[in-house]
């Protein structure tokens, strides 16, 4: 094995490092370390976790290049000396919800969509900067530079532990910049007017946005540095997704994102117009209810996930008319934050564990199919679907997904696809071309579409809309 590269996934919960062969993608070793909980974190914890994960992976002495994939949107504020001004606000910190509403009201949803491809929500960096101005004026005044979690870690790799960094050396990539709310994927440029609208001034340093595959210099250890990527773009890169592919991730939330040559500008806010790590666009739709729907149904039936899957597969398609709209935590797509779940069609014939299990799996997949439909309505080509995430390990989800989604479904073996995408990017900057790595153990599943399942789900979904 020659020419090793490292990829990092600095996620909300943990840091994972994979080390792979640059030419073949063969896994050499891996390491992991936890992150602290909460929705605001001292970035020093990320650097410490990265060091621990690198050590667990056997170190980087034989590694030639490294890149970082990371959680999107978080706000890292630095002062003139490069010190962190306050703990970073993460994507899931919703205290900036009112700031998001204020920014949208000031400029208008269509204007935001036209400017940056997305309508700001509480997760976006631009809304957190407005919150900072509104609630921590001294910290806002002390801010000399703003970057994102993956930007900061790449910067620290370049500077080395214990060494102050030069703000002029901050870099990022298109995918992560596109989630700030003040960078346009269509123009490939920052919108300083939008940054100033949020922060009240435009004299702060921002990371230089590198082109896909462009090197970011060298780490303190001598490795070539890749520009890195946001987590969804890195996962798409790790999976080898190309235009026409949609990556559906079934985690705590559900995500459908597509590598697309077509930009989007959705004023409803359903589609976030992000950028890919390979030069295209990465329109993304998020649902709030995904794997936890399976968790809740398994708990209700008193079974584990394997047994839940078997029960679901023992019931007929459509669960005899029993339909579950699984808005257990409200919903984002469609935008019904105060909605609750609804079970409709309960009869003596459907009052069985098997039917409820089937309705839960189909309801989960129908919600994700709505997200995929939103992409297609916006003009994004959809050819096949990659199914990943913890919920995708369910045998029932894998078996039923092609019929509900109406397209071939690729189910890769469970893996660290964000870290793998970062490693593939590291190989790209090292070798000068993007290597062709195939996801290990991928299985393609196909089935005849079942439009009656989607139609029944839509009927119940629309019935419940009147109650929201």
Protein backbone atom coordinates (compact mmCIF):
# COMPACT_ATOMS: atom_id res chain seq x y z
CA UNK A 1 0.00 0.00 0.00
CA UNK A 2 1.63 3.27 -1.14
CA UNK A 3 0.60 6.90 -1.13
CA UNK A 4 -1.60 7.07 1.96
CA UNK A 5 -4.08 9.89 2.51
CA UNK A 6 -6.22 10.83 5.51
CA UNK A 7 -9.80 12.05 5.67
CA UNK A 8 -11.42 13.63 8.70
CA UNK A 9 -15.10 13.79 9.65
CA UNK A 10 -15.48 16.39 12.39
CA UNK A 11 -19.18 15.92 13.07
CA UNK A 12 -21.46 17.24 15.79
CA UNK A 13 -20.90 14.21 18.00
CA UNK A 14 -17.41 12.94 17.19
CA UNK A 15 -14.25 13.10 15.11
CA UNK A 16 -13.38 10.21 12.80
CA UNK A 17 -10.14 9.78 10.85
CA UNK A 18 -9.75 7.27 8.02
CA UNK A 19 -6.46 6.53 6.29
CA UNK A 20 -6.72 5.10 2.79
CA UNK A 21 -4.57 4.26 -0.20
CA UNK A 22 -4.63 7.25 -2.54
CA UNK A 23 -4.89 5.15 -5.69
CA UNK A 24 -7.34 2.42 -4.72
CA UNK A 25 -9.16 3.80 -1.68
CA UNK A 26 -8.31 0.67 0.30
CA UNK A 27 -8.72 1.29 4.02
CA UNK A 28 -5.50 1.11 6.02
CA UNK A 29 -6.67 2.13 9.47
CA UNK A 30 -9.07 4.38 11.33
CA UNK A 31 -9.49 6.24 14.63
CA UNK A 32 -12.25 8.05 16.49
CA UNK A 33 -12.76 10.39 19.44
CA UNK A 34 -15.91 11.95 20.96
CA UNK A 35 -16.92 15.60 20.93
CA UNK A 36 -18.60 17.30 23.87
CA UNK A 37 -22.37 17.61 23.79
CA UNK A 38 -24.37 20.78 23.51
CA UNK A 39 -25.11 23.29 20.78
CA UNK A 40 -22.14 25.53 21.52
CA UNK A 41 -18.60 24.19 21.79
CA UNK A 42 -15.13 25.59 22.38
CA UNK A 43 -13.34 24.82 19.08
CA UNK A 44 -10.31 23.70 21.11
CA UNK A 45 -12.32 20.55 21.86
CA UNK A 46 -12.41 19.76 18.13
CA UNK A 47 -8.64 20.15 17.85
CA UNK A 48 -8.11 17.91 20.88
CA UNK A 49 -10.49 15.26 19.49
CA UNK A 50 -8.73 15.40 16.12
CA UNK A 51 -5.41 14.78 17.82
CA UNK A 52 -6.85 11.84 19.74
CA UNK A 53 -8.45 10.37 16.61
CA UNK A 54 -5.20 10.73 14.64
CA UNK A 55 -3.31 8.92 17.39
CA UNK A 56 -5.95 6.17 17.45
CA UNK A 57 -5.51 5.84 13.69
CA UNK A 58 -1.78 5.25 14.05
CA UNK A 59 -0.60 8.77 13.36
CA UNK A 60 0.16 10.63 10.15
CA UNK A 61 3.90 9.99 9.74
CA UNK A 62 3.32 7.93 6.57
CA UNK A 63 0.41 10.06 5.30
CA UNK A 64 1.02 12.37 2.33
CA UNK A 65 -2.18 14.42 2.27
CA UNK A 66 -5.13 15.20 4.52
CA UNK A 67 -8.50 16.95 4.19
CA UNK A 68 -11.27 17.76 6.65
CA UNK A 69 -15.00 17.27 6.23
CA UNK A 70 -17.10 18.90 8.91
CA UNK A 71 -20.49 19.89 10.23
CA UNK A 72 -21.87 22.81 8.27
CA UNK A 73 -22.98 26.32 9.25
CA UNK A 74 -21.39 26.71 12.70
CA UNK A 75 -20.09 30.16 13.66
CA UNK A 76 -16.44 30.42 14.74
CA UNK A 77 -15.44 34.00 15.57
CA UNK A 78 -11.77 34.97 15.88
CA UNK A 79 -10.14 38.16 17.16
CA UNK A 80 -7.21 39.96 15.52
CA UNK A 81 -4.71 37.62 17.19
CA UNK A 82 -6.55 34.52 15.96
CA UNK A 83 -8.00 33.63 19.35
CA UNK A 84 -11.55 32.31 19.59
CA UNK A 85 -13.88 35.10 20.74
CA UNK A 86 -16.61 32.86 22.18
CA UNK A 87 -17.63 29.18 21.98
CA UNK A 88 -18.77 28.26 18.48
CA UNK A 89 -22.51 28.15 17.86
CA UNK A 90 -23.32 24.90 16.06
CA UNK A 91 -25.81 24.34 13.25
CA UNK A 92 -28.35 22.91 15.70
CA UNK A 93 -28.30 25.94 18.01
CA UNK A 94 -31.71 27.51 17.37
CA UNK A 95 -31.36 30.65 19.46
CA UNK A 96 -30.90 32.54 16.17
CA UNK A 97 -34.39 31.63 14.90
CA UNK A 98 -35.69 35.16 15.46
CA UNK A 99 -32.60 36.59 13.80
CA UNK A 100 -33.34 34.40 10.77
CA UNK A 101 -36.93 35.63 10.64
CA UNK A 102 -35.74 39.25 10.92
CA UNK A 103 -33.23 38.88 8.08
CA UNK A 104 -35.80 37.26 5.80
CA UNK A 105 -38.35 39.97 6.61
CA UNK A 106 -35.83 42.72 5.90
CA UNK A 107 -34.73 41.51 2.47
CA UNK A 108 -37.48 39.14 1.38
CA UNK A 109 -37.36 35.40 0.76
CA UNK A 110 -37.09 35.70 -3.03
CA UNK A 111 -34.20 38.15 -2.75
CA UNK A 112 -32.30 35.81 -0.42
CA UNK A 113 -32.93 32.84 -2.71
CA UNK A 114 -31.75 34.79 -5.75
CA UNK A 115 -28.67 36.04 -3.90
CA UNK A 116 -27.33 32.85 -2.32
CA UNK A 117 -29.65 30.05 -3.43
CA UNK A 118 -31.22 29.61 0.02
CA UNK A 119 -33.55 31.33 2.45
CA UNK A 120 -31.76 31.66 5.82
CA UNK A 121 -32.89 29.49 8.72
CA UNK A 122 -31.52 29.33 12.25
CA UNK A 123 -28.74 26.91 11.28
CA UNK A 124 -27.09 29.32 8.83
CA UNK A 125 -24.01 31.29 9.92
CA UNK A 126 -25.47 34.60 8.76
CA UNK A 127 -28.31 34.31 11.29
CA UNK A 128 -25.91 33.52 14.12
CA UNK A 129 -23.91 36.65 13.33
CA UNK A 130 -27.09 38.74 13.59
CA UNK A 131 -27.83 37.03 16.92
CA UNK A 132 -24.31 37.94 18.10
CA UNK A 133 -24.87 41.60 17.28
CA UNK A 134 -28.24 41.58 19.02
CA UNK A 135 -27.13 39.77 22.19
CA UNK A 136 -23.34 40.00 22.59
CA UNK A 137 -22.24 43.37 21.22
CA UNK A 138 -18.76 43.21 22.78
CA UNK A 139 -18.08 39.82 21.18
CA UNK A 140 -19.39 41.09 17.86
CA UNK A 141 -17.06 44.11 18.08
CA UNK A 142 -14.09 41.87 18.93
CA UNK A 143 -14.66 39.64 15.91
CA UNK A 144 -11.99 40.15 13.25
CA UNK A 145 -12.63 36.96 11.25
CA UNK A 146 -15.46 34.47 10.83
CA UNK A 147 -15.00 30.88 9.71
CA UNK A 148 -16.69 27.48 9.90
CA UNK A 149 -15.74 24.36 11.89
CA UNK A 150 -13.94 22.62 9.02
CA UNK A 151 -12.20 25.89 8.05
CA UNK A 152 -10.91 26.32 11.59
CA UNK A 153 -9.60 22.75 11.86
CA UNK A 154 -7.83 23.02 8.48
CA UNK A 155 -6.28 26.29 9.68
CA UNK A 156 -5.13 24.66 12.91
CA UNK A 157 -3.60 21.73 10.98
CA UNK A 158 -1.63 24.27 8.96
CA UNK A 159 -0.51 26.25 12.01
CA UNK A 160 0.26 23.31 14.29
CA UNK A 161 -0.72 22.79 17.94
CA UNK A 162 0.15 25.68 20.20
CA UNK A 163 1.08 28.04 17.36
CA UNK A 164 -0.97 31.14 16.58
CA UNK A 165 -2.46 31.18 13.11
CA UNK A 166 -2.41 33.91 10.50
CA UNK A 167 -5.94 35.05 9.65
CA UNK A 168 -4.82 35.54 6.05
CA UNK A 169 -4.31 31.77 5.79
CA UNK A 170 -7.95 30.85 6.54
CA UNK A 171 -9.40 28.83 3.64
CA UNK A 172 -12.63 27.04 2.86
CA UNK A 173 -14.35 25.37 -0.07
CA UNK A 174 -17.49 26.08 -2.10
CA UNK A 175 -19.66 23.53 -0.32
CA UNK A 176 -19.18 24.92 3.17
CA UNK A 177 -19.16 28.55 2.05
CA UNK A 178 -22.56 27.97 0.43
CA UNK A 179 -24.08 27.25 3.85
CA UNK A 180 -23.10 30.57 5.40
CA UNK A 181 -25.84 32.69 3.84
CA UNK A 182 -23.34 35.23 2.50
CA UNK A 183 -21.71 33.32 -0.37
CA UNK A 184 -23.26 32.64 -3.78
CA UNK A 185 -22.70 29.27 -5.46
CA UNK A 186 -23.94 30.71 -8.74
CA UNK A 187 -21.51 33.66 -8.73
CA UNK A 188 -18.78 31.77 -6.82
CA UNK A 189 -18.28 34.82 -4.66
CA UNK A 190 -19.00 36.24 -1.23
CA UNK A 191 -21.83 38.72 -0.79
CA UNK A 192 -20.26 41.28 1.57
CA UNK A 193 -23.51 43.26 1.58
CA UNK A 194 -25.29 40.32 3.23
CA UNK A 195 -22.48 39.84 5.74
CA UNK A 196 -22.71 43.52 6.63
CA UNK A 197 -26.48 43.25 6.92
CA UNK A 198 -26.01 40.56 9.57
CA UNK A 199 -22.95 41.82 11.45
CA UNK A 200 -23.40 45.54 10.92
CA UNK A 201 -19.97 45.92 9.29
CA UNK A 202 -18.02 44.39 6.45
CA UNK A 203 -14.44 44.68 7.72
CA UNK A 204 -14.07 41.08 8.94
CA UNK A 205 -11.78 38.52 7.31
CA UNK A 206 -13.39 35.56 5.60
CA UNK A 207 -11.71 32.34 4.45
CA UNK A 208 -10.47 32.29 0.86
CA UNK A 209 -12.69 29.91 -1.14
CA UNK A 210 -10.56 27.34 -2.96
CA UNK A 211 -11.52 25.59 -6.16
CA UNK A 212 -12.34 21.86 -6.04
CA UNK A 213 -9.12 19.89 -5.88
CA UNK A 214 -6.99 22.96 -5.08
CA UNK A 215 -4.32 22.46 -2.43
CA UNK A 216 -4.44 24.61 0.70
CA UNK A 217 -0.72 24.46 1.41
CA UNK A 218 0.77 22.00 3.83
CA UNK A 219 -0.05 20.92 7.35
CA UNK A 220 2.51 21.53 10.08
CA UNK A 221 3.40 17.84 9.75
CA UNK A 222 4.23 18.24 6.07
CA UNK A 223 1.10 16.70 4.55
CA UNK A 224 -0.55 18.40 1.58
CA UNK A 225 -3.83 19.97 2.73
CA UNK A 226 -7.06 19.71 0.80
CA UNK A 227 -9.66 22.48 0.99
CA UNK A 228 -12.06 20.20 2.86
CA UNK A 229 -15.85 20.25 2.54
CA UNK A 230 -19.15 20.45 4.37
CA UNK A 231 -20.41 17.12 5.61
CA UNK A 232 -23.13 16.50 3.01
CA UNK A 233 -20.83 17.41 0.12
CA UNK A 234 -18.06 15.24 1.55
CA UNK A 235 -20.45 12.30 1.89
CA UNK A 236 -21.54 12.68 -1.74
CA UNK A 237 -17.86 12.72 -2.74
CA UNK A 238 -17.18 9.63 -0.64
CA UNK A 239 -20.06 7.80 -2.30
CA UNK A 240 -18.96 8.77 -5.78
CA UNK A 241 -22.26 10.53 -6.49
CA UNK A 242 -22.50 12.28 -9.87
CA UNK A 243 -25.17 14.43 -11.56
CA UNK A 244 -28.46 12.53 -11.47
CA UNK A 245 -27.68 10.93 -8.10
CA UNK A 246 -29.57 11.78 -4.91
CA UNK A 247 -28.10 10.87 -1.55
CA UNK A 248 -30.84 10.10 0.97
CA UNK A 249 -29.49 9.92 4.51
CA UNK A 250 -31.70 8.46 7.24
CA UNK A 251 -30.29 9.70 10.52
CA UNK A 252 -31.87 11.68 13.34
CA UNK A 253 -33.14 13.88 10.55
CA UNK A 254 -33.62 12.92 6.93
CA UNK A 255 -31.62 14.54 4.13
CA UNK A 256 -32.03 14.33 0.39
CA UNK A 257 -29.28 16.09 -1.55
CA UNK A 258 -28.42 15.85 -5.22
CA UNK A 259 -25.28 16.46 -7.20
CA UNK A 260 -26.66 18.70 -9.91
CA UNK A 261 -25.48 20.88 -12.75
CA UNK A 262 -28.68 22.87 -12.25
CA UNK A 263 -28.70 25.61 -9.58
CA UNK A 264 -31.79 26.19 -7.47
CA UNK A 265 -33.24 29.32 -5.87
CA UNK A 266 -36.26 28.28 -3.82
CA UNK A 267 -38.02 31.17 -2.05
CA UNK A 268 -40.11 28.77 0.03
CA UNK A 269 -36.99 27.61 1.85
CA UNK A 270 -37.74 23.94 1.17
CA UNK A 271 -34.56 23.53 -0.90
CA UNK A 272 -31.23 24.87 0.32
CA UNK A 273 -29.08 25.76 -2.68
CA UNK A 274 -25.71 24.49 -1.52
CA UNK A 275 -22.65 23.70 -3.65
CA UNK A 276 -20.94 20.37 -4.18
CA UNK A 277 -17.30 19.52 -3.48
CA UNK A 278 -16.69 18.80 -7.16
CA UNK A 279 -17.79 22.06 -8.79
CA UNK A 280 -21.50 21.46 -9.30
CA UNK A 281 -24.44 22.35 -7.08
CA UNK A 282 -25.80 20.34 -4.15
CA UNK A 283 -29.46 21.30 -3.59
CA UNK A 284 -30.61 19.82 -0.29
CA UNK A 285 -33.94 19.11 1.37
CA UNK A 286 -34.19 18.20 5.04
CA UNK A 287 -36.93 16.40 6.97
CA UNK A 288 -37.11 16.32 10.75
CA UNK A 289 -38.46 12.78 11.08
CA UNK A 290 -36.29 9.91 9.98
CA UNK A 291 -34.61 7.12 11.99
CA UNK A 292 -36.44 8.09 15.17
CA UNK A 293 -39.68 7.01 13.49
CA UNK A 294 -38.28 3.47 13.50
CA UNK A 295 -37.05 3.90 17.08
CA UNK A 296 -40.46 5.05 18.28
CA UNK A 297 -42.37 2.30 16.48
CA UNK A 298 -40.01 -0.39 17.74
CA UNK A 299 -40.45 0.91 21.30
CA UNK A 300 -44.24 1.03 20.89
CA UNK A 301 -44.32 -2.59 19.70
CA UNK A 302 -41.74 -3.74 22.25
CA UNK A 303 -39.34 -5.15 19.64
CA UNK A 304 -35.80 -4.50 18.44
CA UNK A 305 -35.07 -3.10 14.99
CA UNK A 306 -34.47 -6.47 13.36
CA UNK A 307 -37.83 -7.75 14.58
CA UNK A 308 -39.50 -4.49 13.45
CA UNK A 309 -38.13 -5.04 9.95
CA UNK A 310 -39.41 -8.63 9.85
CA UNK A 311 -42.85 -7.52 10.98
CA UNK A 312 -42.98 -4.85 8.28
CA UNK A 313 -41.97 -7.30 5.57
CA UNK A 314 -44.69 -9.72 6.72
CA UNK A 315 -47.39 -7.14 5.95
CA UNK A 316 -48.69 -6.34 2.44
CA UNK A 317 -47.61 -3.28 0.48
CA UNK A 318 -49.74 -0.36 1.63
CA UNK A 319 -50.36 -2.03 5.00
CA UNK A 320 -53.99 -2.70 4.05
CA UNK A 321 -54.73 1.03 3.93
CA UNK A 322 -53.11 1.86 7.28
CA UNK A 323 -51.07 5.05 6.78
CA UNK A 324 -48.73 6.78 9.22
CA UNK A 325 -47.75 10.39 8.70
CA UNK A 326 -44.73 10.42 11.02
CA UNK A 327 -44.50 14.06 12.05
CA UNK A 328 -43.42 13.04 15.55
CA UNK A 329 -41.25 16.15 16.04
CA UNK A 330 -43.18 18.57 13.87
CA UNK A 331 -41.86 18.75 10.33
CA UNK A 332 -39.68 20.95 8.14
CA UNK A 333 -40.64 19.53 4.73
CA UNK A 334 -43.46 20.47 4.51
CA UNK A 335 -43.00 23.33 6.96
CA UNK A 336 -45.28 22.30 9.82
CA UNK A 337 -43.25 22.87 12.99
CA UNK A 338 -46.23 22.31 15.29
CA UNK A 339 -47.61 19.21 13.57
CA UNK A 340 -47.99 15.84 15.24
CA UNK A 341 -48.06 12.35 13.81
CA UNK A 342 -51.24 10.82 12.42
CA UNK A 343 -52.29 7.18 12.03
CA UNK A 344 -55.24 6.68 9.68
CA UNK A 345 -57.08 3.61 8.42
CA UNK A 346 -57.14 1.56 11.61
CA UNK A 347 -59.65 -1.29 11.27
CA UNK A 348 -60.01 -4.79 12.63
CA UNK A 349 -58.12 -5.92 9.57
CA UNK A 350 -55.18 -3.54 10.10
CA UNK A 351 -54.98 -3.60 13.89
CA UNK A 352 -51.93 -5.83 13.80
CA UNK A 353 -48.29 -5.34 14.69
CA UNK A 354 -47.22 -6.19 11.16
CA UNK A 355 -49.44 -3.53 9.61
CA UNK A 356 -48.23 -0.82 12.01
CA UNK A 357 -44.61 -1.74 11.36
CA UNK A 358 -45.20 -1.57 7.59
CA UNK A 359 -47.04 1.76 7.88
CA UNK A 360 -44.13 3.22 9.87
CA UNK A 361 -41.53 2.19 7.29
CA UNK A 362 -43.69 3.37 4.38
CA UNK A 363 -44.51 6.65 6.14
CA UNK A 364 -40.84 7.34 6.78
CA UNK A 365 -39.99 6.62 3.14
CA UNK A 366 -42.93 8.63 1.79
CA UNK A 367 -41.71 11.66 3.73
CA UNK A 368 -38.29 11.26 2.12
CA UNK A 369 -39.94 10.72 -1.27
CA UNK A 370 -41.63 14.10 -0.82
CA UNK A 371 -38.14 15.58 -0.34
CA UNK A 372 -36.85 13.90 -3.52
CA UNK A 373 -39.94 15.14 -5.41
CA UNK A 374 -39.18 18.70 -4.31
CA UNK A 375 -35.76 18.45 -5.95
CA UNK A 376 -37.23 17.11 -9.18
CA UNK A 377 -39.91 19.82 -9.31
CA UNK A 378 -37.10 22.38 -9.07
CA UNK A 379 -35.55 20.94 -12.23
CA UNK A 380 -32.93 18.71 -10.60
CA UNK A 381 -32.50 15.45 -12.57
CA UNK A 382 -33.01 12.35 -10.41
CA UNK A 383 -31.69 9.07 -11.83
CA UNK A 384 -30.95 6.89 -8.80
CA UNK A 385 -30.84 7.15 -5.02
CA UNK A 386 -28.02 6.33 -2.60
CA UNK A 387 -29.46 5.19 0.74
CA UNK A 388 -27.19 5.79 3.74
CA UNK A 389 -27.37 6.50 7.48
CA UNK A 390 -28.33 4.46 10.51
CA UNK A 391 -31.96 3.99 9.42
CA UNK A 392 -30.81 2.62 6.06
CA UNK A 393 -29.50 -0.49 7.83
CA UNK A 394 -33.08 -1.73 8.27
CA UNK A 395 -33.81 -4.66 5.98
CA UNK A 396 -37.37 -3.38 5.57
CA UNK A 397 -36.24 0.12 4.61
CA UNK A 398 -33.86 -1.32 2.02
CA UNK A 399 -36.47 -3.66 0.56
CA UNK A 400 -39.34 -1.16 0.43
CA UNK A 401 -37.41 1.98 -0.59
CA UNK A 402 -37.16 1.33 -4.36
CA UNK A 403 -40.93 0.89 -4.69
CA UNK A 404 -41.76 4.01 -2.66
CA UNK A 405 -39.02 6.21 -4.13
CA UNK A 406 -39.75 4.89 -7.61
CA UNK A 407 -36.09 4.66 -8.63
CA UNK A 408 -33.15 2.27 -8.35
CA UNK A 409 -31.67 2.42 -4.86
CA UNK A 410 -27.97 1.89 -4.18
CA UNK A 411 -27.30 0.65 -0.64
CA UNK A 412 -23.57 0.87 0.16
CA UNK A 413 -22.11 -1.03 3.07
CA UNK A 414 -22.26 1.03 6.29
CA UNK A 415 -19.24 3.31 6.34
CA UNK A 416 -17.70 6.66 7.21
CA UNK A 417 -18.63 8.41 4.00
CA UNK A 418 -17.89 11.97 5.15
CA UNK A 419 -14.37 10.98 6.18
CA UNK A 420 -14.05 8.88 3.02
CA UNK A 421 -15.01 11.89 0.90
CA UNK A 422 -12.40 14.00 2.65
CA UNK A 423 -9.81 11.27 2.03
CA UNK A 424 -10.79 11.10 -1.64
CA UNK A 425 -10.34 14.86 -1.87
CA UNK A 426 -6.92 14.54 -0.21
CA UNK A 427 -5.98 12.00 -2.90
CA UNK A 428 -7.25 14.48 -5.51
CA UNK A 429 -4.96 17.30 -4.36
CA UNK A 430 -2.06 14.88 -3.97
CA UNK A 431 -2.35 13.18 -7.38
CA UNK A 432 -3.83 16.03 -9.42
CA UNK A 433 -6.92 14.08 -10.45
CA UNK A 434 -9.99 12.77 -8.68
CA UNK A 435 -9.53 9.02 -8.11
CA UNK A 436 -12.30 6.56 -8.94
CA UNK A 437 -13.12 4.80 -5.69
CA UNK A 438 -16.09 2.48 -5.54
CA UNK A 439 -18.09 2.27 -2.28
CA UNK A 440 -17.43 -1.13 -0.76
CA UNK A 441 -20.18 -3.74 -0.86
CA UNK A 442 -22.77 -1.58 -2.64
CA UNK A 443 -26.01 -3.39 -3.53
CA UNK A 444 -28.44 -2.05 -6.14
CA UNK A 445 -32.11 -2.68 -5.36
CA UNK A 446 -34.95 -2.19 -7.83
CA UNK A 447 -38.70 -2.74 -7.65
CA UNK A 448 -41.84 -1.66 -9.47
CA UNK A 449 -43.10 1.68 -8.13
CA UNK A 450 -46.12 1.62 -5.81
CA UNK A 451 -47.95 4.89 -6.53
CA UNK A 452 -50.94 3.78 -4.46
CA UNK A 453 -48.77 3.88 -1.31
CA UNK A 454 -47.67 7.44 -2.09
CA UNK A 455 -51.24 8.46 -2.93
CA UNK A 456 -52.65 7.04 0.32
CA UNK A 457 -49.91 8.74 2.32
CA UNK A 458 -50.57 12.06 0.56
CA UNK A 459 -54.28 11.76 1.32
CA UNK A 460 -53.63 11.42 5.05
CA UNK A 461 -50.87 14.05 4.98
CA UNK A 462 -53.23 16.56 3.43
CA UNK A 463 -56.07 15.65 5.80
CA UNK A 464 -53.85 16.47 8.76
CA UNK A 465 -52.76 19.81 7.28
CA UNK A 466 -56.04 21.39 8.36
CA UNK A 467 -55.19 20.64 12.01
CA UNK A 468 -51.83 22.41 11.91
